[in-house]
Amino acid sequence: MKRADLLILLAFAAIFALAPALWTVWTYERTLSQGKIVLLALAPVDPRSLMQGDYMALRFAIDRTLQDARYDGDARYAYIALDPAGRASLRQTGNDLPPPEGSFALRIRRRQGEPTLGPNAFFFQEGQGDDFAAARFGEFRVTPDGKALLTYLRDADLERLGENLR
């Protein structure tokens, strides 16, 4: 094989290997820059297990609402309404996009057999747990197709926590 052919083959291999990673980074960056801000209330947790090293265990109140509403296990989306401050409340569940008028879709995931809309942990630098102890809301960026990224935690006054730490 000629040297030029080998270089072309290596270039295609590098593009083929890097393309999925670059696509993922691009979609996350797009979600962060263009996603709608949605605030999900955190469910009360036992303060003795709230902080464990360099992360906070999370549960969301809306997940309990999903369970209490006898969530249809086949539904893919939770349709939520937002109050003027951006706090979410569950309207209904379903499988269709776009969501019903006046609501936003969030993808429903299952964790240990239970429906959930958010991650189970928020990671931060070690030793900064006190800065996040007042967390009452998770701030998400949500795309029209229901993908959500947790970006910040907020306190009861809806102020971002740890923003000055980044």
Protein backbone atom coordinates (compact mmCIF):
# COMPACT_ATOMS: atom_id res chain seq x y z
CA MET A 1 0.00 0.00 0.00
CA LYS A 2 1.31 3.41 -0.93
CA ARG A 3 2.02 5.99 1.73
CA ALA A 4 -0.61 8.39 0.29
CA ASP A 5 -3.26 5.66 0.36
CA LEU A 6 -2.38 4.85 3.95
CA LEU A 7 -2.68 8.51 4.97
CA ILE A 8 -6.09 8.78 3.28
CA LEU A 9 -7.24 5.60 5.01
CA LEU A 10 -6.04 6.89 8.40
CA ALA A 11 -7.80 10.23 7.82
CA PHE A 12 -11.10 8.46 7.08
CA ALA A 13 -10.64 6.23 10.12
CA ALA A 14 -10.04 9.27 12.34
CA ILE A 15 -13.13 11.04 10.97
CA PHE A 16 -15.21 7.88 11.40
CA ALA A 17 -14.00 7.50 15.02
CA LEU A 18 -14.40 11.16 16.03
CA ALA A 19 -17.68 11.99 14.28
CA PRO A 20 -20.01 10.43 16.90
CA ALA A 21 -18.21 12.15 19.77
CA LEU A 22 -18.25 15.51 18.00
CA TRP A 23 -21.96 15.09 17.19
CA THR A 24 -22.75 14.36 20.85
CA VAL A 25 -20.80 17.40 22.04
CA TRP A 26 -22.53 19.59 19.44
CA THR A 27 -26.02 18.42 20.49
CA TYR A 28 -25.27 19.00 24.19
CA GLU A 29 -23.87 22.47 23.49
CA ARG A 30 -26.96 23.28 21.42
CA THR A 31 -29.23 22.13 24.25
CA LEU A 32 -27.32 24.29 26.73
CA SER A 33 -27.48 27.38 24.53
CA GLN A 34 -30.99 27.04 23.08
CA GLY A 35 -32.94 24.84 25.50
CA LYS A 36 -35.90 26.20 27.48
CA ILE A 37 -35.18 26.68 31.19
CA VAL A 38 -37.40 24.42 33.32
CA LEU A 39 -37.22 24.17 37.12
CA LEU A 40 -38.10 20.87 38.81
CA ALA A 41 -38.70 20.94 42.56
CA LEU A 42 -36.50 18.60 44.55
CA ALA A 43 -38.28 16.07 46.75
CA PRO A 44 -37.41 16.13 50.44
CA VAL A 45 -34.52 13.86 51.25
CA ASP A 46 -32.99 12.69 54.49
CA PRO A 47 -30.44 15.40 55.35
CA ARG A 48 -28.09 12.80 56.78
CA SER A 49 -27.65 11.28 53.30
CA LEU A 50 -27.95 14.50 51.29
CA MET A 51 -24.21 14.98 50.87
CA GLN A 52 -21.94 12.09 50.11
CA GLY A 53 -18.48 13.12 49.08
CA ASP A 54 -18.55 15.26 45.98
CA TYR A 55 -22.14 14.81 44.84
CA MET A 56 -25.69 15.37 46.01
CA ALA A 57 -28.25 12.58 45.69
CA LEU A 58 -31.33 13.93 43.90
CA ARG A 59 -35.03 13.06 43.79
CA PHE A 60 -37.69 15.19 42.16
CA ALA A 61 -41.18 15.92 43.49
CA ILE A 62 -42.65 15.57 39.99
CA ASP A 63 -41.49 11.93 39.91
CA ARG A 64 -43.77 11.23 42.87
CA THR A 65 -46.59 12.98 40.99
CA LEU A 66 -45.95 10.67 38.02
CA GLN A 67 -46.31 7.64 40.29
CA ASP A 68 -49.41 9.01 42.07
CA ALA A 69 -51.07 9.78 38.74
CA ARG A 70 -50.90 6.07 37.91
CA TYR A 71 -48.42 6.77 35.17
CA ASP A 72 -49.02 4.75 32.02
CA GLY A 73 -45.83 2.69 31.79
CA ASP A 74 -45.84 2.96 28.00
CA ALA A 75 -45.81 6.77 27.93
CA ARG A 76 -42.57 8.28 26.69
CA TYR A 77 -43.13 11.90 27.72
CA ALA A 78 -44.37 13.93 30.66
CA TYR A 79 -46.19 17.04 29.48
CA ILE A 80 -45.51 19.84 31.93
CA ALA A 81 -46.83 23.34 32.45
CA LEU A 82 -44.61 26.16 33.67
CA ASP A 83 -45.56 28.93 36.06
CA PRO A 84 -44.21 32.45 35.37
CA ALA A 85 -41.00 31.65 37.31
CA GLY A 86 -40.36 28.51 35.22
CA ARG A 87 -41.38 25.95 37.88
CA ALA A 88 -42.81 22.78 36.36
CA SER A 89 -46.00 20.89 37.19
CA LEU A 90 -47.27 17.71 35.54
CA ARG A 91 -50.25 18.06 33.19
CA GLN A 92 -50.37 14.56 31.69
CA THR A 93 -48.28 11.88 30.02
CA GLY A 94 -48.23 10.67 26.44
CA ASN A 95 -46.25 9.51 23.44
CA ASP A 96 -46.63 12.33 20.95
CA LEU A 97 -44.56 15.33 19.96
CA PRO A 98 -45.16 18.20 19.82
CA PRO A 99 -46.77 18.33 23.27
CA PRO A 100 -50.28 19.68 23.85
CA GLU A 101 -50.73 23.45 23.55
CA GLY A 102 -49.25 25.36 26.48
CA SER A 103 -47.02 22.54 27.73
CA PHE A 104 -43.50 21.21 27.30
CA ALA A 105 -42.39 17.60 26.89
CA LEU A 106 -39.80 15.92 29.08
CA ARG A 107 -38.62 12.39 28.34
CA ILE A 108 -39.55 9.85 30.98
CA ARG A 109 -36.79 7.48 32.05
CA ARG A 110 -37.03 4.50 34.35
CA ARG A 111 -34.73 4.01 37.31
CA GLN A 112 -35.14 0.90 39.41
CA GLY A 113 -38.53 0.35 37.78
CA GLU A 114 -39.87 3.82 38.66
CA PRO A 115 -40.50 6.73 36.27
CA THR A 116 -38.22 9.74 36.59
CA LEU A 117 -37.56 12.96 34.72
CA GLY A 118 -34.12 13.80 36.05
CA PRO A 119 -30.79 12.34 37.10
CA ASN A 120 -30.23 10.84 40.52
CA ALA A 121 -27.13 12.91 41.36
CA PHE A 122 -25.55 16.32 40.92
CA PHE A 123 -21.75 16.35 41.00
CA PHE A 124 -19.60 19.23 42.21
CA GLN A 125 -16.07 19.83 43.41
CA GLU A 126 -15.15 18.14 46.64
CA GLY A 127 -15.47 20.31 49.71
CA GLN A 128 -18.21 22.53 48.28
CA GLY A 129 -21.20 20.61 49.62
CA ASP A 130 -22.24 23.45 51.95
CA ASP A 131 -22.72 25.71 48.92
CA PHE A 132 -25.39 23.32 47.59
CA ALA A 133 -27.13 22.35 50.86
CA ALA A 134 -29.90 24.91 50.25
CA ALA A 135 -30.92 23.32 46.92
CA ARG A 136 -34.68 23.18 46.35
CA PHE A 137 -34.89 23.10 42.53
CA GLY A 138 -33.00 21.58 39.64
CA GLU A 139 -32.55 23.86 36.63
CA PHE A 140 -32.81 22.01 33.32
CA ARG A 141 -32.36 23.06 29.72
CA VAL A 142 -35.01 21.27 27.65
CA THR A 143 -35.16 20.85 23.88
CA PRO A 144 -38.41 20.58 21.87
CA ASP A 145 -37.92 16.81 21.58
CA GLY A 146 -37.94 16.38 25.38
CA LYS A 147 -34.22 15.99 26.04
CA ALA A 148 -33.19 17.67 29.28
CA LEU A 149 -29.81 18.53 30.79
CA LEU A 150 -29.43 19.45 34.46
CA THR A 151 -27.40 22.67 34.51
CA TYR A 152 -27.70 24.16 38.01
CA LEU A 153 -29.30 23.74 41.39
CA ARG A 154 -31.35 26.62 42.80
CA ASP A 155 -32.43 27.61 46.31
CA ALA A 156 -35.95 28.42 47.56
CA ASP A 157 -35.63 31.97 46.16
CA LEU A 158 -34.71 30.46 42.76
CA GLU A 159 -31.14 31.79 42.96
CA ARG A 160 -28.50 29.62 41.27
CA LEU A 161 -26.20 27.84 43.68
CA GLY A 162 -22.50 27.50 43.06
CA GLU A 163 -22.54 29.77 40.02
CA ASN A 164 -19.50 31.64 41.30
CA LEU A 165 -17.64 28.33 41.68
CA ARG A 166 -17.45 27.53 37.96
